[in-house]
Amino acid sequence: TLDVDFAHNKRDLIKQHLKDVYGEESVASIGTVTFAKAKGVFKDVARVYGLEFKKSNDISKLFPEMCESIDEALKGSLELQELINTDPEIEEVFDYARKLEGTIRAVGVHAAGVAISPGPLTDIVPLFESKGEAVTMFDGPALEDIGIIKYDILGLKALTVISETLDLINKKEDVNFSLGDMGEEDSETYDLIASGNTL
């Protein structure tokens, strides 16, 4: 994985540059996969089952913190065990939830991840389309396992602010000033930062 930071408002330009260099068919956003976990899958099944929302929500609050599975939740909560033993409807919801636990719940698009392959990505991984853009159906770790380069093109708002500040300076002063022109020993800059008056 290569992580590179850019101005937030330039991220799309960087992605287009990668497509121009490596080919449109070799660059795609990276997909994400969310798995059904204990509390979430219980709530999903309860909703489909028609369990009253308040009841479902109250029961989900009985799940121990950081439990990895339905069985672990039941072992860690006597109240949940009692509910299952006394309420056949709740027992059935838990049975279905246990069967769905660990399945893929949703797919999405990584906020910064971009996959780059030496040839067409469709020769290597399945793709889907999201908002008119190609997205890998493999997540980042799976792509790395099969040798696909993964770039994280991080868009940072702080870099956007710096870029826009330079643009404003150059327009107002009619100069062509860049960060490289700044001296590292500028005492006035350090005095300003030290004063805390940086808003």
N, C-alpha and C. Protein backbone atom coordinates (compact mmCIF):
# COMPACT_ATOMS: atom_id res chain seq x y z
N THR A 1 0.83 -1.19 0.00
CA THR A 1 0.00 0.00 0.00
C THR A 1 0.87 1.24 0.00
N LEU A 2 0.53 2.18 -0.85
CA LEU A 2 1.20 3.47 -0.87
C LEU A 2 0.19 4.52 -0.43
N ASP A 3 0.53 5.28 0.60
CA ASP A 3 -0.34 6.36 1.08
C ASP A 3 0.25 7.69 0.66
N VAL A 4 -0.53 8.48 -0.05
CA VAL A 4 -0.08 9.79 -0.49
C VAL A 4 -1.19 10.80 -0.18
N ASP A 5 -0.78 11.94 0.39
CA ASP A 5 -1.75 12.96 0.77
C ASP A 5 -1.79 14.08 -0.27
N PHE A 6 -3.00 14.51 -0.59
CA PHE A 6 -3.21 15.60 -1.54
C PHE A 6 -4.26 16.55 -0.99
N ALA A 7 -4.32 17.72 -1.59
CA ALA A 7 -5.40 18.65 -1.25
C ALA A 7 -6.73 17.96 -1.54
N HIS A 8 -7.66 18.11 -0.62
CA HIS A 8 -8.97 17.45 -0.72
C HIS A 8 -9.65 17.74 -2.06
N ASN A 9 -9.56 18.97 -2.51
CA ASN A 9 -10.25 19.36 -3.75
C ASN A 9 -9.49 18.94 -5.01
N LYS A 10 -8.34 18.29 -4.86
CA LYS A 10 -7.56 17.84 -6.02
C LYS A 10 -7.56 16.32 -6.16
N ARG A 11 -8.23 15.62 -5.27
CA ARG A 11 -8.19 14.16 -5.25
C ARG A 11 -8.68 13.56 -6.58
N ASP A 12 -9.76 14.10 -7.11
CA ASP A 12 -10.29 13.58 -8.38
C ASP A 12 -9.31 13.79 -9.53
N LEU A 13 -8.56 14.88 -9.49
CA LEU A 13 -7.54 15.12 -10.53
C LEU A 13 -6.43 14.08 -10.45
N ILE A 14 -6.04 13.72 -9.25
CA ILE A 14 -4.99 12.71 -9.06
C ILE A 14 -5.48 11.36 -9.59
N LYS A 15 -6.72 11.03 -9.27
CA LYS A 15 -7.28 9.75 -9.73
C LYS A 15 -7.35 9.72 -11.26
N GLN A 16 -7.74 10.83 -11.86
CA GLN A 16 -7.79 10.90 -13.32
C GLN A 16 -6.39 10.78 -13.91
N HIS A 17 -5.41 11.39 -13.25
CA HIS A 17 -4.02 11.28 -13.70
C HIS A 17 -3.57 9.82 -13.71
N LEU A 18 -3.92 9.07 -12.68
CA LEU A 18 -3.56 7.65 -12.63
C LEU A 18 -4.20 6.89 -13.80
N LYS A 19 -5.44 7.23 -14.11
CA LYS A 19 -6.12 6.60 -15.24
C LYS A 19 -5.45 6.96 -16.57
N ASP A 20 -5.02 8.21 -16.68
CA ASP A 20 -4.34 8.65 -17.90
C ASP A 20 -3.00 7.93 -18.07
N VAL A 21 -2.29 7.72 -16.98
CA VAL A 21 -0.97 7.10 -17.03
C VAL A 21 -1.07 5.58 -17.23
N TYR A 22 -1.92 4.92 -16.43
CA TYR A 22 -1.96 3.45 -16.44
C TYR A 22 -3.07 2.85 -17.29
N GLY A 23 -3.99 3.69 -17.73
CA GLY A 23 -5.10 3.22 -18.54
C GLY A 23 -6.37 3.11 -17.72
N GLU A 24 -7.44 3.57 -18.31
CA GLU A 24 -8.76 3.58 -17.66
C GLU A 24 -9.14 2.20 -17.14
N GLU A 25 -8.79 1.15 -17.91
CA GLU A 25 -9.20 -0.21 -17.55
C GLU A 25 -8.33 -0.82 -16.45
N SER A 26 -7.26 -0.13 -16.07
CA SER A 26 -6.33 -0.66 -15.06
C SER A 26 -6.46 0.02 -13.70
N VAL A 27 -7.37 0.97 -13.58
CA VAL A 27 -7.52 1.74 -12.34
C VAL A 27 -8.98 1.70 -11.90
N ALA A 28 -9.19 1.41 -10.62
CA ALA A 28 -10.56 1.40 -10.07
C ALA A 28 -10.51 1.71 -8.58
N SER A 29 -11.62 2.21 -8.08
CA SER A 29 -11.74 2.38 -6.63
C SER A 29 -11.78 1.00 -5.98
N ILE A 30 -11.43 0.96 -4.72
CA ILE A 30 -11.40 -0.31 -4.00
C ILE A 30 -12.70 -0.49 -3.23
N GLY A 31 -13.27 -1.67 -3.37
CA GLY A 31 -14.50 -1.98 -2.65
C GLY A 31 -14.24 -2.33 -1.19
N THR A 32 -15.25 -2.19 -0.39
CA THR A 32 -15.19 -2.59 1.02
C THR A 32 -16.29 -3.60 1.27
N VAL A 33 -16.07 -4.44 2.25
CA VAL A 33 -17.05 -5.46 2.61
C VAL A 33 -17.34 -5.35 4.10
N THR A 34 -18.61 -5.31 4.44
CA THR A 34 -19.03 -5.29 5.84
C THR A 34 -19.72 -6.60 6.14
N PHE A 35 -19.31 -7.24 7.23
CA PHE A 35 -19.87 -8.53 7.61
C PHE A 35 -20.90 -8.36 8.72
N ALA A 36 -21.87 -9.25 8.72
CA ALA A 36 -22.92 -9.23 9.75
C ALA A 36 -22.31 -9.68 11.07
N LYS A 37 -22.36 -8.80 12.06
CA LYS A 37 -21.81 -9.12 13.38
C LYS A 37 -22.94 -9.24 14.39
N ALA A 38 -22.61 -9.75 15.54
CA ALA A 38 -23.58 -10.18 16.55
C ALA A 38 -24.75 -9.21 16.76
N LYS A 39 -24.48 -8.05 17.29
CA LYS A 39 -25.56 -7.12 17.63
C LYS A 39 -26.29 -6.63 16.38
N GLY A 40 -25.53 -6.30 15.35
CA GLY A 40 -26.13 -5.79 14.12
C GLY A 40 -27.01 -6.82 13.43
N VAL A 41 -26.55 -8.07 13.36
CA VAL A 41 -27.35 -9.09 12.69
C VAL A 41 -28.60 -9.41 13.50
N PHE A 42 -28.50 -9.34 14.82
CA PHE A 42 -29.70 -9.52 15.64
C PHE A 42 -30.73 -8.44 15.31
N LYS A 43 -30.28 -7.19 15.24
CA LYS A 43 -31.21 -6.09 14.95
C LYS A 43 -31.81 -6.21 13.55
N ASP A 44 -30.98 -6.64 12.57
CA ASP A 44 -31.48 -6.81 11.21
C ASP A 44 -32.58 -7.88 11.16
N VAL A 45 -32.30 -9.02 11.78
CA VAL A 45 -33.28 -10.12 11.77
C VAL A 45 -34.54 -9.71 12.53
N ALA A 46 -34.36 -9.02 13.65
CA ALA A 46 -35.52 -8.57 14.44
C ALA A 46 -36.41 -7.64 13.61
N ARG A 47 -35.79 -6.77 12.82
CA ARG A 47 -36.56 -5.84 11.99
C ARG A 47 -37.34 -6.61 10.93
N VAL A 48 -36.68 -7.56 10.24
CA VAL A 48 -37.35 -8.36 9.21
C VAL A 48 -38.44 -9.23 9.83
N TYR A 49 -38.18 -9.73 11.00
CA TYR A 49 -39.12 -10.59 11.71
C TYR A 49 -40.36 -9.82 12.16
N GLY A 50 -40.24 -8.49 12.24
CA GLY A 50 -41.36 -7.66 12.66
C GLY A 50 -41.39 -7.38 14.15
N LEU A 51 -40.28 -7.65 14.82
CA LEU A 51 -40.20 -7.38 16.25
C LEU A 51 -40.29 -5.87 16.47
N GLU A 52 -41.03 -5.46 17.46
CA GLU A 52 -41.18 -4.04 17.77
C GLU A 52 -39.81 -3.41 17.98
N PHE A 53 -39.60 -2.21 17.41
CA PHE A 53 -38.29 -1.56 17.44
C PHE A 53 -37.79 -1.37 18.87
N LYS A 54 -38.64 -0.88 19.76
CA LYS A 54 -38.20 -0.63 21.13
C LYS A 54 -37.73 -1.92 21.79
N LYS A 55 -38.47 -2.99 21.57
CA LYS A 55 -38.11 -4.28 22.16
C LYS A 55 -36.76 -4.74 21.61
N SER A 56 -36.59 -4.64 20.31
CA SER A 56 -35.35 -5.04 19.66
C SER A 56 -34.18 -4.20 20.20
N ASN A 57 -34.39 -2.92 20.30
CA ASN A 57 -33.35 -2.01 20.78
C ASN A 57 -32.98 -2.31 22.23
N ASP A 58 -33.98 -2.55 23.07
CA ASP A 58 -33.73 -2.88 24.47
C ASP A 58 -32.93 -4.18 24.59
N ILE A 59 -33.26 -5.16 23.77
CA ILE A 59 -32.54 -6.44 23.81
C ILE A 59 -31.11 -6.25 23.34
N SER A 60 -30.91 -5.46 22.28
CA SER A 60 -29.54 -5.27 21.76
C SER A 60 -28.65 -4.59 22.80
N LYS A 61 -29.25 -3.81 23.70
CA LYS A 61 -28.46 -3.16 24.76
C LYS A 61 -27.97 -4.17 25.80
N LEU A 62 -28.53 -5.37 25.80
CA LEU A 62 -28.09 -6.41 26.73
C LEU A 62 -26.85 -7.16 26.24
N PHE A 63 -26.48 -6.93 24.96
CA PHE A 63 -25.27 -7.58 24.43
C PHE A 63 -24.05 -7.02 25.16
N PRO A 64 -23.16 -7.89 25.63
CA PRO A 64 -21.94 -7.39 26.27
C PRO A 64 -21.10 -6.59 25.29
N GLU A 65 -20.35 -5.64 25.80
CA GLU A 65 -19.45 -4.85 24.95
C GLU A 65 -18.41 -5.77 24.31
N MET A 66 -18.06 -5.48 23.08
CA MET A 66 -16.98 -6.17 22.37
C MET A 66 -17.20 -7.67 22.20
N CYS A 67 -18.45 -8.11 22.16
CA CYS A 67 -18.67 -9.54 21.93
C CYS A 67 -18.50 -9.81 20.44
N GLU A 68 -17.86 -10.93 20.12
CA GLU A 68 -17.53 -11.26 18.74
C GLU A 68 -18.62 -12.09 18.05
N SER A 69 -19.48 -12.72 18.81
CA SER A 69 -20.49 -13.59 18.21
C SER A 69 -21.74 -13.63 19.07
N ILE A 70 -22.81 -14.15 18.46
CA ILE A 70 -24.07 -14.33 19.20
C ILE A 70 -23.84 -15.27 20.39
N ASP A 71 -23.14 -16.37 20.15
CA ASP A 71 -22.89 -17.33 21.23
C ASP A 71 -22.11 -16.69 22.37
N GLU A 72 -21.14 -15.87 22.01
CA GLU A 72 -20.36 -15.17 23.04
C GLU A 72 -21.24 -14.20 23.81
N ALA A 73 -22.16 -13.52 23.11
CA ALA A 73 -23.09 -12.61 23.78
C ALA A 73 -23.98 -13.36 24.76
N LEU A 74 -24.45 -14.53 24.34
CA LEU A 74 -25.31 -15.33 25.22
C LEU A 74 -24.55 -15.83 26.45
N LYS A 75 -23.29 -16.23 26.25
CA LYS A 75 -22.48 -16.68 27.38
C LYS A 75 -22.23 -15.55 28.37
N GLY A 76 -22.13 -14.33 27.84
CA GLY A 76 -21.80 -13.18 28.69
C GLY A 76 -22.99 -12.46 29.29
N SER A 77 -24.21 -12.90 28.98
CA SER A 77 -25.39 -12.19 29.48
C SER A 77 -26.47 -13.17 29.93
N LEU A 78 -26.65 -13.24 31.24
CA LEU A 78 -27.71 -14.09 31.79
C LEU A 78 -29.09 -13.59 31.36
N GLU A 79 -29.23 -12.26 31.20
CA GLU A 79 -30.51 -11.69 30.79
C GLU A 79 -30.91 -12.17 29.38
N LEU A 80 -29.93 -12.22 28.47
CA LEU A 80 -30.21 -12.72 27.13
C LEU A 80 -30.60 -14.19 27.16
N GLN A 81 -29.88 -14.97 27.96
CA GLN A 81 -30.20 -16.39 28.09
C GLN A 81 -31.63 -16.58 28.60
N GLU A 82 -32.00 -15.78 29.58
CA GLU A 82 -33.35 -15.88 30.15
C GLU A 82 -34.41 -15.51 29.12
N LEU A 83 -34.15 -14.48 28.33
CA LEU A 83 -35.09 -14.07 27.28
C LEU A 83 -35.32 -15.21 26.29
N ILE A 84 -34.25 -15.84 25.86
CA ILE A 84 -34.35 -16.94 24.90
C ILE A 84 -35.13 -18.12 25.49
N ASN A 85 -34.90 -18.37 26.76
CA ASN A 85 -35.56 -19.50 27.43
C ASN A 85 -37.04 -19.24 27.72
N THR A 86 -37.43 -17.97 27.75
CA THR A 86 -38.82 -17.66 28.14
C THR A 86 -39.65 -17.10 26.99
N ASP A 87 -39.03 -16.70 25.90
CA ASP A 87 -39.78 -16.06 24.81
C ASP A 87 -39.44 -16.76 23.49
N PRO A 88 -40.36 -17.61 22.99
CA PRO A 88 -40.09 -18.36 21.75
C PRO A 88 -39.81 -17.46 20.55
N GLU A 89 -40.45 -16.30 20.51
CA GLU A 89 -40.22 -15.36 19.40
C GLU A 89 -38.77 -14.87 19.41
N ILE A 90 -38.27 -14.51 20.57
CA ILE A 90 -36.90 -14.04 20.69
C ILE A 90 -35.92 -15.19 20.38
N GLU A 91 -36.26 -16.36 20.82
CA GLU A 91 -35.42 -17.53 20.52
C GLU A 91 -35.29 -17.74 19.02
N GLU A 92 -36.40 -17.57 18.31
CA GLU A 92 -36.38 -17.76 16.85
C GLU A 92 -35.55 -16.67 16.17
N VAL A 93 -35.67 -15.43 16.64
CA VAL A 93 -34.87 -14.35 16.08
C VAL A 93 -33.38 -14.65 16.26
N PHE A 94 -33.02 -15.11 17.44
CA PHE A 94 -31.62 -15.45 17.70
C PHE A 94 -31.15 -16.61 16.83
N ASP A 95 -32.01 -17.59 16.61
CA ASP A 95 -31.64 -18.72 15.75
C ASP A 95 -31.32 -18.26 14.33
N TYR A 96 -32.19 -17.39 13.78
CA TYR A 96 -31.94 -16.87 12.42
C TYR A 96 -30.69 -15.99 12.40
N ALA A 97 -30.55 -15.17 13.43
CA ALA A 97 -29.39 -14.27 13.49
C ALA A 97 -28.09 -15.08 13.52
N ARG A 98 -28.09 -16.16 14.27
CA ARG A 98 -26.90 -17.01 14.37
C ARG A 98 -26.53 -17.59 13.00
N LYS A 99 -27.55 -17.95 12.20
CA LYS A 99 -27.30 -18.52 10.87
C LYS A 99 -26.73 -17.48 9.89
N LEU A 100 -27.11 -16.22 10.09
CA LEU A 100 -26.65 -15.16 9.17
C LEU A 100 -25.36 -14.50 9.62
N GLU A 101 -24.99 -14.74 10.86
CA GLU A 101 -23.78 -14.12 11.40
C GLU A 101 -22.57 -14.48 10.55
N GLY A 102 -21.75 -13.47 10.23
CA GLY A 102 -20.54 -13.70 9.44
C GLY A 102 -20.74 -13.61 7.95
N THR A 103 -21.98 -13.49 7.49
CA THR A 103 -22.22 -13.33 6.06
C THR A 103 -21.97 -11.87 5.66
N ILE A 104 -21.84 -11.65 4.37
CA ILE A 104 -21.62 -10.28 3.89
C ILE A 104 -22.92 -9.50 4.06
N ARG A 105 -22.82 -8.38 4.75
CA ARG A 105 -23.99 -7.54 5.01
C ARG A 105 -24.12 -6.44 3.97
N ALA A 106 -22.98 -5.88 3.57
CA ALA A 106 -23.01 -4.77 2.60
C ALA A 106 -21.66 -4.63 1.92
N VAL A 107 -21.69 -4.07 0.72
CA VAL A 107 -20.46 -3.70 0.03
C VAL A 107 -20.49 -2.19 -0.15
N GLY A 108 -19.31 -1.62 -0.22
CA GLY A 108 -19.23 -0.17 -0.37
C GLY A 108 -17.97 0.21 -1.13
N VAL A 109 -17.65 1.48 -1.06
CA VAL A 109 -16.47 2.01 -1.76
C VAL A 109 -15.55 2.63 -0.72
N HIS A 110 -14.28 2.22 -0.75
CA HIS A 110 -13.28 2.76 0.16
C HIS A 110 -13.13 4.26 -0.08
N ALA A 111 -12.99 5.03 0.98
CA ALA A 111 -12.93 6.49 0.85
C ALA A 111 -11.71 6.97 0.07
N ALA A 112 -10.59 6.26 0.17
CA ALA A 112 -9.37 6.74 -0.47
C ALA A 112 -8.69 5.71 -1.36
N GLY A 113 -9.05 4.44 -1.24
CA GLY A 113 -8.32 3.37 -1.91
C GLY A 113 -8.54 3.29 -3.41
N VAL A 114 -7.44 3.11 -4.14
CA VAL A 114 -7.46 2.94 -5.59
C VAL A 114 -6.58 1.75 -5.94
N ALA A 115 -7.09 0.84 -6.77
CA ALA A 115 -6.33 -0.32 -7.22
C ALA A 115 -5.77 -0.05 -8.60
N ILE A 116 -4.51 -0.48 -8.81
CA ILE A 116 -3.87 -0.32 -10.12
C ILE A 116 -3.27 -1.67 -10.51
N SER A 117 -3.62 -2.13 -11.71
CA SER A 117 -3.11 -3.42 -12.18
C SER A 117 -2.28 -3.21 -13.44
N PRO A 118 -1.41 -4.19 -13.76
CA PRO A 118 -0.57 -4.06 -14.96
C PRO A 118 -1.35 -4.19 -16.27
N GLY A 119 -2.54 -4.74 -16.21
CA GLY A 119 -3.40 -4.88 -17.38
C GLY A 119 -4.82 -4.59 -16.95
N PRO A 120 -5.79 -4.93 -17.78
CA PRO A 120 -7.19 -4.67 -17.40
C PRO A 120 -7.56 -5.37 -16.08
N LEU A 121 -8.13 -4.62 -15.17
CA LEU A 121 -8.53 -5.18 -13.88
C LEU A 121 -9.55 -6.30 -14.06
N THR A 122 -10.36 -6.23 -15.10
CA THR A 122 -11.38 -7.26 -15.32
C THR A 122 -10.77 -8.63 -15.62
N ASP A 123 -9.49 -8.67 -15.99
CA ASP A 123 -8.80 -9.94 -16.20
C ASP A 123 -8.40 -10.59 -14.87
N ILE A 124 -8.45 -9.79 -13.79
CA ILE A 124 -7.91 -10.25 -12.51
C ILE A 124 -8.96 -10.32 -11.41
N VAL A 125 -9.81 -9.30 -11.33
CA VAL A 125 -10.80 -9.23 -10.25
C VAL A 125 -12.17 -8.83 -10.80
N PRO A 126 -13.24 -9.25 -10.13
CA PRO A 126 -14.56 -8.76 -10.53
C PRO A 126 -14.74 -7.30 -10.12
N LEU A 127 -15.51 -6.58 -10.91
CA LEU A 127 -15.78 -5.17 -10.64
C LEU A 127 -17.29 -4.95 -10.57
N PHE A 128 -17.68 -3.89 -9.87
CA PHE A 128 -19.05 -3.42 -9.94
C PHE A 128 -19.02 -1.93 -10.16
N GLU A 129 -20.15 -1.36 -10.47
CA GLU A 129 -20.21 0.07 -10.75
C GLU A 129 -20.92 0.80 -9.63
N SER A 130 -20.34 1.91 -9.22
CA SER A 130 -20.97 2.77 -8.21
C SER A 130 -20.81 4.21 -8.66
N LYS A 131 -21.92 4.89 -8.86
CA LYS A 131 -21.93 6.28 -9.31
C LYS A 131 -21.10 6.47 -10.57
N GLY A 132 -21.25 5.52 -11.51
CA GLY A 132 -20.57 5.61 -12.79
C GLY A 132 -19.10 5.27 -12.75
N GLU A 133 -18.63 4.72 -11.66
CA GLU A 133 -17.21 4.44 -11.50
C GLU A 133 -16.98 2.97 -11.21
N ALA A 134 -15.90 2.42 -11.76
CA ALA A 134 -15.54 1.02 -11.52
C ALA A 134 -15.01 0.85 -10.10
N VAL A 135 -15.46 -0.23 -9.44
CA VAL A 135 -15.04 -0.53 -8.07
C VAL A 135 -14.73 -2.02 -8.00
N THR A 136 -13.63 -2.37 -7.33
CA THR A 136 -13.28 -3.79 -7.19
C THR A 136 -14.23 -4.46 -6.21
N MET A 137 -14.56 -5.71 -6.47
CA MET A 137 -15.38 -6.47 -5.53
C MET A 137 -14.51 -7.15 -4.48
N PHE A 138 -13.20 -7.03 -4.60
CA PHE A 138 -12.27 -7.49 -3.57
C PHE A 138 -11.89 -6.28 -2.72
N ASP A 139 -11.73 -6.50 -1.42
CA ASP A 139 -11.29 -5.40 -0.57
C ASP A 139 -9.77 -5.25 -0.63
N GLY A 140 -9.24 -4.24 0.05
CA GLY A 140 -7.82 -3.92 -0.01
C GLY A 140 -6.90 -5.08 0.32
N PRO A 141 -7.09 -5.75 1.48
CA PRO A 141 -6.19 -6.87 1.81
C PRO A 141 -6.22 -7.99 0.77
N ALA A 142 -7.39 -8.30 0.23
CA ALA A 142 -7.49 -9.36 -0.79
C ALA A 142 -6.75 -8.94 -2.06
N LEU A 143 -6.85 -7.67 -2.43
CA LEU A 143 -6.13 -7.19 -3.61
C LEU A 143 -4.63 -7.30 -3.43
N GLU A 144 -4.15 -6.93 -2.24
CA GLU A 144 -2.72 -7.03 -1.97
C GLU A 144 -2.26 -8.48 -2.01
N ASP A 145 -3.10 -9.39 -1.53
CA ASP A 145 -2.75 -10.81 -1.53
C ASP A 145 -2.54 -11.36 -2.94
N ILE A 146 -3.23 -10.78 -3.93
CA ILE A 146 -3.08 -11.28 -5.30
C ILE A 146 -2.14 -10.38 -6.13
N GLY A 147 -1.46 -9.44 -5.45
CA GLY A 147 -0.42 -8.66 -6.11
C GLY A 147 -0.85 -7.38 -6.79
N ILE A 148 -2.05 -6.90 -6.50
CA ILE A 148 -2.50 -5.63 -7.08
C ILE A 148 -1.98 -4.48 -6.22
N ILE A 149 -1.47 -3.45 -6.85
CA ILE A 149 -0.99 -2.27 -6.11
C ILE A 149 -2.18 -1.49 -5.58
N LYS A 150 -2.10 -1.11 -4.32
CA LYS A 150 -3.17 -0.35 -3.68
C LYS A 150 -2.62 1.02 -3.26
N TYR A 151 -3.20 2.05 -3.81
CA TYR A 151 -2.85 3.41 -3.43
C TYR A 151 -3.95 3.96 -2.53
N ASP A 152 -3.57 4.64 -1.47
CA ASP A 152 -4.53 5.41 -0.70
C ASP A 152 -4.29 6.88 -1.04
N ILE A 153 -5.21 7.43 -1.82
CA ILE A 153 -5.12 8.83 -2.22
C ILE A 153 -5.94 9.60 -1.20
N LEU A 154 -5.27 10.09 -0.20
CA LEU A 154 -5.96 10.76 0.89
C LEU A 154 -6.14 12.23 0.58
N GLY A 155 -7.39 12.70 0.64
CA GLY A 155 -7.68 14.11 0.43
C GLY A 155 -7.76 14.80 1.78
N LEU A 156 -6.81 15.69 2.05
CA LEU A 156 -6.77 16.37 3.34
C LEU A 156 -7.21 17.81 3.20
N LYS A 157 -8.16 18.21 4.02
CA LYS A 157 -8.68 19.58 3.95
C LYS A 157 -7.60 20.60 4.31
N ALA A 158 -6.68 20.22 5.20
CA ALA A 158 -5.60 21.16 5.57
C ALA A 158 -4.76 21.52 4.35
N LEU A 159 -4.51 20.54 3.48
CA LEU A 159 -3.74 20.84 2.27
C LEU A 159 -4.54 21.70 1.30
N THR A 160 -5.87 21.53 1.31
CA THR A 160 -6.72 22.40 0.49
C THR A 160 -6.62 23.84 0.99
N VAL A 161 -6.66 24.01 2.30
CA VAL A 161 -6.56 25.36 2.89
C VAL A 161 -5.23 26.00 2.51
N ILE A 162 -4.14 25.24 2.59
CA ILE A 162 -2.83 25.77 2.22
C ILE A 162 -2.81 26.18 0.74
N SER A 163 -3.34 25.31 -0.11
CA SER A 163 -3.38 25.59 -1.55
C SER A 163 -4.20 26.84 -1.84
N GLU A 164 -5.36 26.95 -1.22
CA GLU A 164 -6.22 28.12 -1.45
C GLU A 164 -5.58 29.39 -0.89
N THR A 165 -4.86 29.27 0.21
CA THR A 165 -4.15 30.43 0.79
C THR A 165 -3.09 30.93 -0.18
N LEU A 166 -2.33 30.00 -0.75
CA LEU A 166 -1.31 30.39 -1.74
C LEU A 166 -1.95 31.07 -2.95
N ASP A 167 -3.10 30.53 -3.40
CA ASP A 167 -3.81 31.16 -4.54
C ASP A 167 -4.22 32.58 -4.20
N LEU A 168 -4.74 32.79 -2.99
CA LEU A 168 -5.17 34.13 -2.58
C LEU A 168 -3.98 35.09 -2.50
N ILE A 169 -2.86 34.62 -1.95
CA ILE A 169 -1.67 35.46 -1.86
C ILE A 169 -1.22 35.85 -3.26
N ASN A 170 -1.16 34.87 -4.16
CA ASN A 170 -0.68 35.15 -5.51
C ASN A 170 -1.60 36.11 -6.27
N LYS A 171 -2.92 35.98 -6.06
CA LYS A 171 -3.85 36.90 -6.73
C LYS A 171 -3.73 38.31 -6.15
N LYS A 172 -3.71 38.40 -4.81
CA LYS A 172 -3.69 39.72 -4.16
C LYS A 172 -2.38 40.45 -4.41
N GLU A 173 -1.28 39.73 -4.35
CA GLU A 173 0.04 40.36 -4.47
C GLU A 173 0.58 40.33 -5.90
N ASP A 174 -0.16 39.64 -6.81
CA ASP A 174 0.28 39.48 -8.20
C ASP A 174 1.70 38.92 -8.27
N VAL A 175 1.88 37.79 -7.56
CA VAL A 175 3.17 37.10 -7.52
C VAL A 175 2.95 35.63 -7.87
N ASN A 176 4.03 34.88 -7.96
CA ASN A 176 3.94 33.44 -8.18
C ASN A 176 4.67 32.74 -7.04
N PHE A 177 4.07 32.79 -5.86
CA PHE A 177 4.67 32.30 -4.63
C PHE A 177 4.27 30.85 -4.38
N SER A 178 5.20 30.02 -3.92
CA SER A 178 4.90 28.63 -3.57
C SER A 178 5.49 28.32 -2.20
N LEU A 179 5.11 27.19 -1.64
CA LEU A 179 5.64 26.79 -0.33
C LEU A 179 7.15 26.64 -0.37
N GLY A 180 7.68 26.22 -1.51
CA GLY A 180 9.13 26.07 -1.64
C GLY A 180 9.88 27.38 -1.52
N ASP A 181 9.17 28.50 -1.71
CA ASP A 181 9.79 29.82 -1.60
C ASP A 181 9.91 30.30 -0.16
N MET A 182 9.24 29.60 0.74
CA MET A 182 9.27 30.03 2.15
C MET A 182 10.57 29.61 2.81
N GLY A 183 11.13 30.53 3.58
CA GLY A 183 12.32 30.20 4.34
C GLY A 183 11.94 29.47 5.62
N GLU A 184 12.75 28.52 6.02
CA GLU A 184 12.44 27.76 7.23
C GLU A 184 12.84 28.52 8.50
N GLU A 185 13.49 29.65 8.34
CA GLU A 185 13.94 30.42 9.50
C GLU A 185 13.18 31.73 9.64
N ASP A 186 11.97 31.82 9.10
CA ASP A 186 11.21 33.06 9.15
C ASP A 186 10.67 33.28 10.56
N SER A 187 11.31 34.16 11.31
CA SER A 187 10.95 34.36 12.72
C SER A 187 9.54 34.93 12.88
N GLU A 188 9.07 35.75 11.94
CA GLU A 188 7.72 36.31 12.05
C GLU A 188 6.67 35.20 11.99
N THR A 189 6.90 34.19 11.14
CA THR A 189 5.96 33.06 11.04
C THR A 189 5.93 32.30 12.35
N TYR A 190 7.11 32.01 12.90
CA TYR A 190 7.16 31.27 14.16
C TYR A 190 6.57 32.07 15.32
N ASP A 191 6.76 33.39 15.29
CA ASP A 191 6.15 34.23 16.33
C ASP A 191 4.63 34.18 16.25
N LEU A 192 4.09 34.21 15.02
CA LEU A 192 2.65 34.14 14.83
C LEU A 192 2.10 32.81 15.35
N ILE A 193 2.76 31.72 14.99
CA ILE A 193 2.30 30.40 15.45
C ILE A 193 2.40 30.32 16.97
N ALA A 194 3.50 30.81 17.54
CA ALA A 194 3.71 30.77 18.99
C ALA A 194 2.66 31.59 19.74
N SER A 195 2.15 32.64 19.10
CA SER A 195 1.14 33.48 19.76
C SER A 195 -0.21 32.79 19.86
N GLY A 196 -0.39 31.72 19.05
CA GLY A 196 -1.68 31.01 19.05
C GLY A 196 -2.71 31.71 18.19
N ASN A 197 -2.35 32.79 17.53
CA ASN A 197 -3.29 33.57 16.71
C ASN A 197 -3.27 33.04 15.28
N THR A 198 -3.72 31.78 15.14
CA THR A 198 -3.61 31.13 13.83
C THR A 198 -4.96 30.85 13.17
N LEU A 199 -6.06 31.25 13.80
CA LEU A 199 -7.38 30.95 13.24
C LEU A 199 -7.54 31.55 11.85
